[in-house]
Amino acid sequence: MPNQNSPHGFAILATEQSNSYNAQCHMYAIPSTDSTNTYSIGDSVKSIAAGFGDASNPWGTFGIQGVVKCTGAAAELARGIIVSVFRNPFNLDTLYVPQTKAANYYVLVNDDPNVIFEAIPDGSNAYASTWVGANAPYTVNAVNAANISNTVVTTGTIGSGSTLPLKIMQVAQRPNVSTGLYVPLVLTWNAHELKAVGTTGAA
């Protein structure tokens, strides 16, 4: 059975540490001045040099770290992965941050540099065994019609570069996973804002 081409961004699985994964995260702010990006669960974000807050924000009125959407490029350091979007005050049926923002938005981000997560490749290349242990960038595509993260692993530049943001740990071990395109990959951060610069991949 072929693998499904159904991007979902970064889906968190566990932590590299020996302790149990407890899903802790922290609040971050997306400024209203960001008229470029939409944000969904599974997107990665990076810090910007500003603190935010609103008098009407019950979770914090000032000093909340601001973030902006990552691009996935080599040498870019992510702060973490969005795991929850506080409800859009202008549309309570939505759980994403729109491109046009009438106010600051607040998201919960898993900023653990040792987190383990899953994503699918971009479909440009079939799976190769040399991917395991290698590093990779990722591609941030526009969200799909359901506003689900469309971030995928970029397969054309999987390699050993120490500045590449992702490290491929293995293929997701499930009965319905086969070789070929869109093989779901288990990943961790190779380079991250809160950890040392990445290591050379095994490719």
C-alpha atoms as a PDB file:
ATOM      1  CA  MET A   1       0.000   0.000   0.000  1.00  0.00           C
ATOM      2  CA  PRO A   2       1.527   3.376  -0.965  1.00  0.00           C
ATOM      3  CA  ASN A   3       2.174   5.960   1.700  1.00  0.00           C
ATOM      4  CA  GLN A   4      -0.316   8.804   1.907  1.00  0.00           C
ATOM      5  CA  ASN A   5       0.635  12.279   0.725  1.00  0.00           C
ATOM      6  CA  SER A   6      -0.996  14.051   3.654  1.00  0.00           C
ATOM      7  CA  PRO A   7       1.288  16.687   5.201  1.00  0.00           C
ATOM      8  CA  HIS A   8       0.507  17.686   8.772  1.00  0.00           C
ATOM      9  CA  GLY A   9       3.589  19.655   9.744  1.00  0.00           C
ATOM     10  CA  PHE A  10       5.552  18.432  12.755  1.00  0.00           C
ATOM     11  CA  ALA A  11       3.609  15.996  14.958  1.00  0.00           C
ATOM     12  CA  ILE A  12       5.272  15.576  18.352  1.00  0.00           C
ATOM     13  CA  LEU A  13       5.864  11.999  19.550  1.00  0.00           C
ATOM     14  CA  ALA A  14       8.217  11.919  22.543  1.00  0.00           C
ATOM     15  CA  THR A  15      11.442  13.314  23.969  1.00  0.00           C
ATOM     16  CA  GLU A  16      15.042  12.169  23.591  1.00  0.00           C
ATOM     17  CA  GLN A  17      15.489  12.314  27.350  1.00  0.00           C
ATOM     18  CA  SER A  18      15.131   9.287  29.624  1.00  0.00           C
ATOM     19  CA  ASN A  19      12.254  10.903  31.510  1.00  0.00           C
ATOM     20  CA  SER A  20       8.656  10.513  30.363  1.00  0.00           C
ATOM     21  CA  TYR A  21       7.370  13.059  27.842  1.00  0.00           C
ATOM     22  CA  ASN A  22       4.995  15.411  29.672  1.00  0.00           C
ATOM     23  CA  ALA A  23       3.951  17.683  26.787  1.00  0.00           C
ATOM     24  CA  GLN A  24       4.928  20.883  28.583  1.00  0.00           C
ATOM     25  CA  CYS A  25       4.979  24.015  26.470  1.00  0.00           C
ATOM     26  CA  HIS A  26       5.160  27.805  26.797  1.00  0.00           C
ATOM     27  CA  MET A  27       3.121  30.730  25.535  1.00  0.00           C
ATOM     28  CA  TYR A  28       4.469  32.878  22.714  1.00  0.00           C
ATOM     29  CA  ALA A  29       3.061  35.890  20.897  1.00  0.00           C
ATOM     30  CA  ILE A  30       2.519  36.456  17.175  1.00  0.00           C
ATOM     31  CA  PRO A  31       2.388  40.217  16.533  1.00  0.00           C
ATOM     32  CA  SER A  32      -0.494  41.848  14.705  1.00  0.00           C
ATOM     33  CA  THR A  33       2.055  43.496  12.407  1.00  0.00           C
ATOM     34  CA  ASP A  34       2.847  40.138  10.774  1.00  0.00           C
ATOM     35  CA  SER A  35       0.761  40.397   7.619  1.00  0.00           C
ATOM     36  CA  THR A  36       2.746  37.726   5.771  1.00  0.00           C
ATOM     37  CA  ASN A  37       2.169  34.411   7.536  1.00  0.00           C
ATOM     38  CA  THR A  38      -0.625  32.139   8.637  1.00  0.00           C
ATOM     39  CA  TYR A  39       0.073  29.822  11.584  1.00  0.00           C
ATOM     40  CA  SER A  40      -1.271  26.331  12.260  1.00  0.00           C
ATOM     41  CA  ILE A  41      -0.625  23.539  14.723  1.00  0.00           C
ATOM     42  CA  GLY A  42       2.523  21.725  13.558  1.00  0.00           C
ATOM     43  CA  ASP A  43       4.258  24.854  12.249  1.00  0.00           C
ATOM     44  CA  SER A  44       7.700  25.793  13.552  1.00  0.00           C
ATOM     45  CA  VAL A  45       8.477  29.294  14.803  1.00  0.00           C
ATOM     46  CA  LYS A  46      11.567  31.301  15.697  1.00  0.00           C
ATOM     47  CA  SER A  47      12.063  34.153  18.156  1.00  0.00           C
ATOM     48  CA  ILE A  48      11.995  37.826  17.309  1.00  0.00           C
ATOM     49  CA  ALA A  49      13.546  40.576  19.422  1.00  0.00           C
ATOM     50  CA  ALA A  50      10.441  41.837  21.170  1.00  0.00           C
ATOM     51  CA  GLY A  51       8.127  41.086  24.064  1.00  0.00           C
ATOM     52  CA  PHE A  52       4.360  41.369  23.710  1.00  0.00           C
ATOM     53  CA  GLY A  53       1.225  41.465  25.811  1.00  0.00           C
ATOM     54  CA  ASP A  54      -2.259  42.944  25.973  1.00  0.00           C
ATOM     55  CA  ALA A  55      -4.212  44.349  28.873  1.00  0.00           C
ATOM     56  CA  SER A  56      -7.081  42.032  27.911  1.00  0.00           C
ATOM     57  CA  ASN A  57      -4.882  38.917  27.720  1.00  0.00           C
ATOM     58  CA  PRO A  58      -5.707  36.826  30.821  1.00  0.00           C
ATOM     59  CA  TRP A  59      -2.505  34.779  30.393  1.00  0.00           C
ATOM     60  CA  GLY A  60      -0.050  37.667  30.413  1.00  0.00           C
ATOM     61  CA  THR A  61      -0.182  41.398  29.916  1.00  0.00           C
ATOM     62  CA  PHE A  62       3.445  42.052  28.934  1.00  0.00           C
ATOM     63  CA  GLY A  63       6.831  40.476  28.280  1.00  0.00           C
ATOM     64  CA  ILE A  64       5.705  37.458  26.237  1.00  0.00           C
ATOM     65  CA  GLN A  65       8.348  36.355  23.726  1.00  0.00           C
ATOM     66  CA  GLY A  66       7.393  37.152  20.139  1.00  0.00           C
ATOM     67  CA  VAL A  67       7.819  34.594  17.346  1.00  0.00           C
ATOM     68  CA  VAL A  68       7.554  34.440  13.588  1.00  0.00           C
ATOM     69  CA  LYS A  69       7.125  31.486  11.252  1.00  0.00           C
ATOM     70  CA  CYS A  70      10.269  29.590  10.256  1.00  0.00           C
ATOM     71  CA  THR A  71      11.300  29.065   6.654  1.00  0.00           C
ATOM     72  CA  GLY A  72      13.151  25.754   7.147  1.00  0.00           C
ATOM     73  CA  ALA A  73      16.358  27.043   5.602  1.00  0.00           C
ATOM     74  CA  ALA A  74      19.772  25.778   6.637  1.00  0.00           C
ATOM     75  CA  ALA A  75      21.296  27.666   9.590  1.00  0.00           C
ATOM     76  CA  GLU A  76      17.882  28.946  10.719  1.00  0.00           C
ATOM     77  CA  LEU A  77      17.263  28.162  14.393  1.00  0.00           C
ATOM     78  CA  ALA A  78      13.701  27.322  15.445  1.00  0.00           C
ATOM     79  CA  ARG A  79      12.341  28.020  18.915  1.00  0.00           C
ATOM     80  CA  GLY A  80       9.806  25.206  18.684  1.00  0.00           C
ATOM     81  CA  ILE A  81       6.610  23.754  17.295  1.00  0.00           C
ATOM     82  CA  ILE A  82       3.102  25.185  17.699  1.00  0.00           C
ATOM     83  CA  VAL A  83       0.933  22.694  19.585  1.00  0.00           C
ATOM     84  CA  SER A  84      -2.089  24.888  20.300  1.00  0.00           C
ATOM     85  CA  VAL A  85      -3.538  28.143  19.024  1.00  0.00           C
ATOM     86  CA  PHE A  86      -5.622  30.183  21.424  1.00  0.00           C
ATOM     87  CA  ARG A  87      -9.023  30.656  19.872  1.00  0.00           C
ATOM     88  CA  ASN A  88      -9.295  33.411  17.309  1.00  0.00           C
ATOM     89  CA  PRO A  89     -11.289  36.118  19.141  1.00  0.00           C
ATOM     90  CA  PHE A  90     -12.760  37.232  15.847  1.00  0.00           C
ATOM     91  CA  ASN A  91     -13.922  33.752  14.810  1.00  0.00           C
ATOM     92  CA  LEU A  92     -14.367  31.179  17.586  1.00  0.00           C
ATOM     93  CA  ASP A  93     -14.678  28.341  15.055  1.00  0.00           C
ATOM     94  CA  THR A  94     -11.056  28.628  13.963  1.00  0.00           C
ATOM     95  CA  LEU A  95      -7.907  27.247  15.583  1.00  0.00           C
ATOM     96  CA  TYR A  96      -5.303  28.886  13.381  1.00  0.00           C
ATOM     97  CA  VAL A  97      -3.798  32.366  13.064  1.00  0.00           C
ATOM     98  CA  PRO A  98      -4.836  34.158   9.865  1.00  0.00           C
ATOM     99  CA  GLN A  99      -2.548  36.130   7.593  1.00  0.00           C
ATOM    100  CA  THR A 100      -4.299  39.414   8.383  1.00  0.00           C
ATOM    101  CA  LYS A 101      -4.320  39.996  12.144  1.00  0.00           C
ATOM    102  CA  ALA A 102      -6.465  42.597  13.859  1.00  0.00           C
ATOM    103  CA  ALA A 103      -4.644  41.971  17.146  1.00  0.00           C
ATOM    104  CA  ASN A 104      -1.744  40.036  18.635  1.00  0.00           C
ATOM    105  CA  TYR A 105      -2.305  36.279  18.737  1.00  0.00           C
ATOM    106  CA  TYR A 106      -1.011  33.813  21.322  1.00  0.00           C
ATOM    107  CA  VAL A 107       0.132  30.241  20.737  1.00  0.00           C
ATOM    108  CA  LEU A 108       1.486  27.410  22.872  1.00  0.00           C
ATOM    109  CA  VAL A 109       4.844  26.189  21.602  1.00  0.00           C
ATOM    110  CA  ASN A 110       6.766  23.053  22.494  1.00  0.00           C
ATOM    111  CA  ASP A 111      10.222  24.602  22.793  1.00  0.00           C
ATOM    112  CA  ASP A 112      12.022  21.482  24.056  1.00  0.00           C
ATOM    113  CA  PRO A 113      15.185  21.183  21.917  1.00  0.00           C
ATOM    114  CA  ASN A 114      15.190  17.414  22.551  1.00  0.00           C
ATOM    115  CA  VAL A 115      11.677  16.702  21.326  1.00  0.00           C
ATOM    116  CA  ILE A 116      11.037  13.898  18.818  1.00  0.00           C
ATOM    117  CA  PHE A 117       8.453  14.474  16.101  1.00  0.00           C
ATOM    118  CA  GLU A 118       7.175  13.096  12.806  1.00  0.00           C
ATOM    119  CA  ALA A 119       6.753  14.637   9.358  1.00  0.00           C
ATOM    120  CA  ILE A 120       6.497  13.414   5.798  1.00  0.00           C
ATOM    121  CA  PRO A 121       8.918  14.143   2.937  1.00  0.00           C
ATOM    122  CA  ASP A 122       8.117  16.412   0.009  1.00  0.00           C
ATOM    123  CA  GLY A 123       7.659  13.575  -2.499  1.00  0.00           C
ATOM    124  CA  SER A 124      10.460  14.736  -4.791  1.00  0.00           C
ATOM    125  CA  ASN A 125      12.557  11.652  -4.041  1.00  0.00           C
ATOM    126  CA  ALA A 126      11.866   8.074  -2.975  1.00  0.00           C
ATOM    127  CA  TYR A 127      13.127   6.918   0.406  1.00  0.00           C
ATOM    128  CA  ALA A 128      16.790   5.877   0.581  1.00  0.00           C
ATOM    129  CA  SER A 129      18.379   4.043   3.505  1.00  0.00           C
ATOM    130  CA  THR A 130      21.101   6.723   3.647  1.00  0.00           C
ATOM    131  CA  TRP A 131      18.495   9.173   4.948  1.00  0.00           C
ATOM    132  CA  VAL A 132      18.564   7.586   8.400  1.00  0.00           C
ATOM    133  CA  GLY A 133      21.070   9.459  10.553  1.00  0.00           C
ATOM    134  CA  ALA A 134      21.383  12.290   8.050  1.00  0.00           C
ATOM    135  CA  ASN A 135      20.352  15.936   8.429  1.00  0.00           C
ATOM    136  CA  ALA A 136      17.773  17.820   6.389  1.00  0.00           C
ATOM    137  CA  PRO A 137      16.069  21.158   5.877  1.00  0.00           C
ATOM    138  CA  TYR A 138      12.328  21.491   5.524  1.00  0.00           C
ATOM    139  CA  THR A 139       9.958  23.337   3.219  1.00  0.00           C
ATOM    140  CA  VAL A 140       7.184  25.548   4.583  1.00  0.00           C
ATOM    141  CA  ASN A 141       4.341  25.498   2.074  1.00  0.00           C
ATOM    142  CA  ALA A 142       1.083  27.414   2.282  1.00  0.00           C
ATOM    143  CA  VAL A 143      -1.472  25.726   4.526  1.00  0.00           C
ATOM    144  CA  ASN A 144      -4.055  23.510   2.869  1.00  0.00           C
ATOM    145  CA  ALA A 145      -7.770  24.219   2.561  1.00  0.00           C
ATOM    146  CA  ALA A 146      -8.369  22.931   6.103  1.00  0.00           C
ATOM    147  CA  ASN A 147      -5.656  25.261   7.469  1.00  0.00           C
ATOM    148  CA  ILE A 148      -3.441  22.311   8.433  1.00  0.00           C
ATOM    149  CA  SER A 149       0.313  22.824   8.410  1.00  0.00           C
ATOM    150  CA  ASN A 150       1.825  21.886   5.058  1.00  0.00           C
ATOM    151  CA  THR A 151       5.452  21.732   6.218  1.00  0.00           C
ATOM    152  CA  VAL A 152       7.426  18.807   4.726  1.00  0.00           C
ATOM    153  CA  VAL A 153      10.984  17.474   4.866  1.00  0.00           C
ATOM    154  CA  THR A 154      13.039  18.650   1.865  1.00  0.00           C
ATOM    155  CA  THR A 155      14.503  15.504   0.329  1.00  0.00           C
ATOM    156  CA  GLY A 156      16.690  17.084  -2.349  1.00  0.00           C
ATOM    157  CA  THR A 157      19.236  18.358   0.167  1.00  0.00           C
ATOM    158  CA  ILE A 158      19.335  15.608   2.786  1.00  0.00           C
ATOM    159  CA  GLY A 159      22.970  15.256   3.800  1.00  0.00           C
ATOM    160  CA  SER A 160      25.620  15.726   6.464  1.00  0.00           C
ATOM    161  CA  GLY A 161      25.597  19.507   6.840  1.00  0.00           C
ATOM    162  CA  SER A 162      25.848  20.440  10.510  1.00  0.00           C
ATOM    163  CA  THR A 163      23.723  23.573  10.120  1.00  0.00           C
ATOM    164  CA  LEU A 164      20.710  21.741   8.666  1.00  0.00           C
ATOM    165  CA  PRO A 165      17.849  22.062  11.165  1.00  0.00           C
ATOM    166  CA  LEU A 166      16.524  18.484  11.257  1.00  0.00           C
ATOM    167  CA  LYS A 167      18.106  15.127  12.067  1.00  0.00           C
ATOM    168  CA  ILE A 168      16.411  12.003  10.698  1.00  0.00           C
ATOM    169  CA  MET A 169      16.285   9.360  13.412  1.00  0.00           C
ATOM    170  CA  GLN A 170      14.418   6.609  11.586  1.00  0.00           C
ATOM    171  CA  VAL A 171      11.339   5.740   9.551  1.00  0.00           C
ATOM    172  CA  ALA A 172       8.065   5.587  11.485  1.00  0.00           C
ATOM    173  CA  GLN A 173       7.583   1.929  12.378  1.00  0.00           C
ATOM    174  CA  ARG A 174       3.966   1.129  11.516  1.00  0.00           C
ATOM    175  CA  PRO A 175       2.454  -1.752   9.512  1.00  0.00           C
ATOM    176  CA  ASN A 176       1.050   0.558   6.860  1.00  0.00           C
ATOM    177  CA  VAL A 177       4.373   2.256   6.056  1.00  0.00           C
ATOM    178  CA  SER A 178       6.155   1.153   2.880  1.00  0.00           C
ATOM    179  CA  THR A 179       9.201   2.275   0.915  1.00  0.00           C
ATOM    180  CA  GLY A 180       8.841   4.763  -1.910  1.00  0.00           C
ATOM    181  CA  LEU A 181       7.492   8.299  -1.671  1.00  0.00           C
ATOM    182  CA  TYR A 182       6.083  10.074   1.398  1.00  0.00           C
ATOM    183  CA  VAL A 183       7.688   7.729   3.944  1.00  0.00           C
ATOM    184  CA  PRO A 184       6.864   9.232   7.383  1.00  0.00           C
ATOM    185  CA  LEU A 185      10.078  10.179   9.140  1.00  0.00           C
ATOM    186  CA  VAL A 186      10.867  10.376  12.851  1.00  0.00           C
ATOM    187  CA  LEU A 187      12.933  13.513  13.458  1.00  0.00           C
ATOM    188  CA  THR A 188      14.559  15.650  16.093  1.00  0.00           C
ATOM    189  CA  TRP A 189      16.138  19.090  16.032  1.00  0.00           C
ATOM    190  CA  ASN A 190      19.716  19.064  14.827  1.00  0.00           C
ATOM    191  CA  ALA A 191      20.001  22.830  15.338  1.00  0.00           C
ATOM    192  CA  HIS A 192      17.718  24.759  17.707  1.00  0.00           C
ATOM    193  CA  GLU A 193      17.670  28.113  19.509  1.00  0.00           C
ATOM    194  CA  LEU A 194      18.064  26.426  22.889  1.00  0.00           C
ATOM    195  CA  LYS A 195      20.760  23.876  22.080  1.00  0.00           C
ATOM    196  CA  ALA A 196      24.266  23.890  20.672  1.00  0.00           C
ATOM    197  CA  VAL A 197      24.901  24.199  16.965  1.00  0.00           C
ATOM    198  CA  GLY A 198      24.040  20.979  15.144  1.00  0.00           C
ATOM    199  CA  THR A 199      26.253  17.989  14.513  1.00  0.00           C
ATOM    200  CA  THR A 200      27.352  16.494  11.217  1.00  0.00           C
ATOM    201  CA  GLY A 201      24.870  13.973   9.823  1.00  0.00           C
ATOM    202  CA  ALA A 202      25.713  10.360   9.104  1.00  0.00           C
ATOM    203  CA  ALA A 203      24.981  10.679   5.383  1.00  0.00           C
END
